[in-house]
Amino acid sequence: MAACCGPAGRASQSNPKFSMPYVRHAAALANLGRTDEARVVAERLREVEPDLTVSTAIRSARFAQPGKNAELGDALIRAGLPE
């Protein structure tokens, strides 16, 4: 999971209007127990896409394995994204 933080953070910086890198970055930080940092990224995510919720993020991610959707949702909830 730590390996995801760097690339997701760089992707957010290179295209700050694209929300998916923020989703991945917030989830990775939350899964690492870095909740305060995850919340900061989630706040920035909400600035980029104000109506985004955990449900809409999961639909956008479209993982082939349903368990991954649940993991993403749990991490985004810990990051402070609304359900």
N, C-alpha and C. Protein backbone atom coordinates (compact mmCIF):
# COMPACT_ATOMS: atom_id res chain seq x y z
N MET A 1 0.82 -1.19 0.00
CA MET A 1 0.00 0.00 0.00
C MET A 1 0.86 1.26 0.00
N ALA A 2 1.99 1.22 0.70
CA ALA A 2 2.88 2.39 0.75
C ALA A 2 3.37 2.76 -0.65
N ALA A 3 3.54 1.75 -1.50
CA ALA A 3 4.01 2.01 -2.86
C ALA A 3 3.00 2.81 -3.67
N CYS A 4 1.75 2.80 -3.27
CA CYS A 4 0.70 3.53 -3.99
C CYS A 4 0.70 5.01 -3.66
N CYS A 5 1.17 5.36 -2.48
CA CYS A 5 1.08 6.76 -2.03
C CYS A 5 1.85 7.70 -2.94
N GLY A 6 3.08 7.36 -3.27
CA GLY A 6 3.89 8.24 -4.12
C GLY A 6 3.31 8.45 -5.49
N PRO A 7 3.02 7.38 -6.24
CA PRO A 7 2.46 7.56 -7.57
C PRO A 7 1.11 8.28 -7.57
N ALA A 8 0.25 7.97 -6.61
CA ALA A 8 -1.06 8.63 -6.55
C ALA A 8 -0.90 10.11 -6.24
N GLY A 9 0.03 10.42 -5.34
CA GLY A 9 0.28 11.82 -5.02
C GLY A 9 0.83 12.59 -6.21
N ARG A 10 1.75 11.97 -6.94
CA ARG A 10 2.30 12.62 -8.13
C ARG A 10 1.25 12.77 -9.22
N ALA A 11 0.38 11.78 -9.38
CA ALA A 11 -0.69 11.87 -10.37
C ALA A 11 -1.64 13.01 -10.04
N SER A 12 -1.94 13.19 -8.76
CA SER A 12 -2.81 14.29 -8.34
C SER A 12 -2.17 15.63 -8.67
N GLN A 13 -0.87 15.73 -8.48
CA GLN A 13 -0.17 16.99 -8.76
C GLN A 13 -0.09 17.27 -10.25
N SER A 14 0.09 16.22 -11.06
CA SER A 14 0.24 16.44 -12.50
C SER A 14 -1.08 16.77 -13.18
N ASN A 15 -2.19 16.33 -12.61
CA ASN A 15 -3.51 16.63 -13.18
C ASN A 15 -4.47 16.90 -12.02
N PRO A 16 -4.39 18.10 -11.41
CA PRO A 16 -5.13 18.38 -10.19
C PRO A 16 -6.66 18.41 -10.34
N LYS A 17 -7.17 18.39 -11.54
CA LYS A 17 -8.63 18.39 -11.74
C LYS A 17 -9.22 16.99 -11.90
N PHE A 18 -8.36 15.96 -11.94
CA PHE A 18 -8.80 14.58 -12.11
C PHE A 18 -8.93 13.94 -10.73
N SER A 19 -10.10 13.45 -10.40
CA SER A 19 -10.38 13.01 -9.03
C SER A 19 -9.85 11.63 -8.67
N MET A 20 -9.71 10.72 -9.62
CA MET A 20 -9.36 9.34 -9.27
C MET A 20 -8.01 9.21 -8.55
N PRO A 21 -6.97 9.96 -8.92
CA PRO A 21 -5.73 9.84 -8.13
C PRO A 21 -5.93 10.23 -6.66
N TYR A 22 -6.78 11.21 -6.41
CA TYR A 22 -7.07 11.60 -5.03
C TYR A 22 -7.77 10.45 -4.30
N VAL A 23 -8.69 9.78 -5.00
CA VAL A 23 -9.39 8.64 -4.41
C VAL A 23 -8.37 7.58 -3.99
N ARG A 24 -7.48 7.23 -4.91
CA ARG A 24 -6.48 6.19 -4.63
C ARG A 24 -5.51 6.62 -3.53
N HIS A 25 -5.12 7.89 -3.56
CA HIS A 25 -4.17 8.40 -2.57
C HIS A 25 -4.80 8.40 -1.18
N ALA A 26 -6.03 8.91 -1.06
CA ALA A 26 -6.72 8.93 0.24
C ALA A 26 -6.90 7.52 0.78
N ALA A 27 -7.28 6.59 -0.09
CA ALA A 27 -7.50 5.20 0.34
C ALA A 27 -6.18 4.56 0.79
N ALA A 28 -5.12 4.80 0.04
CA ALA A 28 -3.82 4.22 0.41
C ALA A 28 -3.36 4.75 1.76
N LEU A 29 -3.48 6.04 1.97
CA LEU A 29 -3.08 6.62 3.25
C LEU A 29 -3.92 6.07 4.40
N ALA A 30 -5.22 5.96 4.18
CA ALA A 30 -6.11 5.43 5.22
C ALA A 30 -5.74 3.99 5.54
N ASN A 31 -5.43 3.19 4.53
CA ASN A 31 -5.06 1.80 4.76
C ASN A 31 -3.72 1.66 5.48
N LEU A 32 -2.90 2.68 5.39
CA LEU A 32 -1.61 2.68 6.10
C LEU A 32 -1.74 3.22 7.53
N GLY A 33 -2.96 3.62 7.89
CA GLY A 33 -3.19 4.18 9.22
C GLY A 33 -2.82 5.65 9.32
N ARG A 34 -2.57 6.27 8.20
CA ARG A 34 -2.21 7.69 8.16
C ARG A 34 -3.47 8.52 7.92
N THR A 35 -4.38 8.40 8.88
CA THR A 35 -5.73 8.94 8.74
C THR A 35 -5.74 10.46 8.58
N ASP A 36 -4.93 11.15 9.33
CA ASP A 36 -4.91 12.62 9.22
C ASP A 36 -4.52 13.05 7.81
N GLU A 37 -3.52 12.40 7.25
CA GLU A 37 -3.11 12.72 5.88
C GLU A 37 -4.20 12.33 4.88
N ALA A 38 -4.83 11.19 5.12
CA ALA A 38 -5.91 10.74 4.24
C ALA A 38 -7.05 11.74 4.23
N ARG A 39 -7.35 12.30 5.38
CA ARG A 39 -8.44 13.30 5.47
C ARG A 39 -8.09 14.57 4.70
N VAL A 40 -6.83 14.97 4.74
CA VAL A 40 -6.41 16.15 3.97
C VAL A 40 -6.60 15.90 2.48
N VAL A 41 -6.20 14.72 2.02
CA VAL A 41 -6.36 14.37 0.60
C VAL A 41 -7.84 14.29 0.25
N ALA A 42 -8.65 13.72 1.14
CA ALA A 42 -10.10 13.62 0.89
C ALA A 42 -10.74 15.01 0.82
N GLU A 43 -10.26 15.94 1.62
CA GLU A 43 -10.77 17.31 1.55
C GLU A 43 -10.45 17.94 0.21
N ARG A 44 -9.24 17.71 -0.27
CA ARG A 44 -8.86 18.23 -1.59
C ARG A 44 -9.71 17.56 -2.68
N LEU A 45 -9.96 16.29 -2.51
CA LEU A 45 -10.82 15.55 -3.43
C LEU A 45 -12.20 16.19 -3.51
N ARG A 46 -12.75 16.55 -2.36
CA ARG A 46 -14.08 17.18 -2.33
C ARG A 46 -14.06 18.56 -2.97
N GLU A 47 -12.91 19.23 -2.96
CA GLU A 47 -12.80 20.52 -3.67
C GLU A 47 -12.85 20.30 -5.18
N VAL A 48 -12.20 19.24 -5.63
CA VAL A 48 -12.15 18.92 -7.05
C VAL A 48 -13.50 18.41 -7.54
N GLU A 49 -14.13 17.56 -6.73
CA GLU A 49 -15.40 16.94 -7.10
C GLU A 49 -16.33 16.96 -5.88
N PRO A 50 -17.02 18.10 -5.66
CA PRO A 50 -17.79 18.31 -4.44
C PRO A 50 -18.88 17.27 -4.15
N ASP A 51 -19.46 16.70 -5.16
CA ASP A 51 -20.56 15.75 -4.96
C ASP A 51 -20.10 14.31 -4.82
N LEU A 52 -18.81 14.08 -4.83
CA LEU A 52 -18.30 12.71 -4.77
C LEU A 52 -18.59 12.08 -3.40
N THR A 53 -19.04 10.85 -3.43
CA THR A 53 -19.29 10.08 -2.22
C THR A 53 -18.53 8.76 -2.34
N VAL A 54 -18.55 7.99 -1.28
CA VAL A 54 -17.93 6.67 -1.32
C VAL A 54 -18.60 5.83 -2.42
N SER A 55 -19.91 5.88 -2.48
CA SER A 55 -20.65 5.09 -3.49
C SER A 55 -20.26 5.46 -4.91
N THR A 56 -20.18 6.77 -5.19
CA THR A 56 -19.83 7.17 -6.56
C THR A 56 -18.36 6.86 -6.86
N ALA A 57 -17.49 6.95 -5.87
CA ALA A 57 -16.08 6.60 -6.08
C ALA A 57 -15.95 5.12 -6.42
N ILE A 58 -16.69 4.28 -5.72
CA ILE A 58 -16.65 2.84 -6.00
C ILE A 58 -17.16 2.55 -7.40
N ARG A 59 -18.25 3.20 -7.79
CA ARG A 59 -18.77 2.99 -9.14
C ARG A 59 -17.76 3.42 -10.20
N SER A 60 -17.04 4.50 -9.93
CA SER A 60 -16.04 4.98 -10.88
C SER A 60 -14.82 4.07 -10.95
N ALA A 61 -14.45 3.47 -9.82
CA ALA A 61 -13.26 2.61 -9.78
C ALA A 61 -13.47 1.32 -10.56
N ARG A 62 -14.65 0.75 -10.49
CA ARG A 62 -15.03 -0.46 -11.25
C ARG A 62 -14.02 -1.59 -11.15
N PHE A 63 -13.75 -2.02 -9.95
CA PHE A 63 -12.86 -3.17 -9.76
C PHE A 63 -13.55 -4.44 -10.23
N ALA A 64 -12.81 -5.33 -10.83
CA ALA A 64 -13.36 -6.60 -11.28
C ALA A 64 -13.67 -7.52 -10.10
N GLN A 65 -12.93 -7.36 -9.01
CA GLN A 65 -13.14 -8.18 -7.82
C GLN A 65 -13.99 -7.40 -6.82
N PRO A 66 -15.19 -7.86 -6.52
CA PRO A 66 -16.08 -7.14 -5.62
C PRO A 66 -15.46 -6.82 -4.25
N GLY A 67 -14.59 -7.67 -3.76
CA GLY A 67 -13.95 -7.42 -2.48
C GLY A 67 -13.11 -6.15 -2.48
N LYS A 68 -12.55 -5.83 -3.63
CA LYS A 68 -11.75 -4.61 -3.75
C LYS A 68 -12.62 -3.37 -3.60
N ASN A 69 -13.86 -3.45 -4.08
CA ASN A 69 -14.78 -2.33 -3.92
C ASN A 69 -15.05 -2.07 -2.44
N ALA A 70 -15.25 -3.12 -1.68
CA ALA A 70 -15.51 -2.98 -0.25
C ALA A 70 -14.29 -2.41 0.46
N GLU A 71 -13.10 -2.88 0.09
CA GLU A 71 -11.87 -2.35 0.70
C GLU A 71 -11.71 -0.87 0.41
N LEU A 72 -11.97 -0.48 -0.82
CA LEU A 72 -11.88 0.92 -1.20
C LEU A 72 -12.88 1.75 -0.40
N GLY A 73 -14.11 1.25 -0.31
CA GLY A 73 -15.14 1.97 0.43
C GLY A 73 -14.78 2.15 1.90
N ASP A 74 -14.30 1.10 2.52
CA ASP A 74 -13.90 1.19 3.93
C ASP A 74 -12.78 2.22 4.13
N ALA A 75 -11.81 2.20 3.23
CA ALA A 75 -10.70 3.15 3.34
C ALA A 75 -11.17 4.59 3.15
N LEU A 76 -12.07 4.80 2.20
CA LEU A 76 -12.56 6.16 1.94
C LEU A 76 -13.42 6.67 3.10
N ILE A 77 -14.14 5.78 3.73
CA ILE A 77 -14.91 6.18 4.92
C ILE A 77 -13.94 6.63 6.02
N ARG A 78 -12.87 5.87 6.22
CA ARG A 78 -11.88 6.27 7.23
C ARG A 78 -11.21 7.59 6.87
N ALA A 79 -11.11 7.87 5.57
CA ALA A 79 -10.53 9.13 5.12
C ALA A 79 -11.50 10.30 5.27
N GLY A 80 -12.75 10.00 5.57
CA GLY A 80 -13.72 11.05 5.81
C GLY A 80 -14.64 11.38 4.65
N LEU A 81 -14.60 10.59 3.60
CA LEU A 81 -15.51 10.83 2.48
C LEU A 81 -16.91 10.40 2.86
N PRO A 82 -17.93 11.17 2.52
CA PRO A 82 -19.29 10.78 2.89
C PRO A 82 -19.76 9.55 2.10
N GLU A 83 -20.60 8.77 2.74
CA GLU A 83 -21.11 7.55 2.10
C GLU A 83 -22.13 7.90 1.05
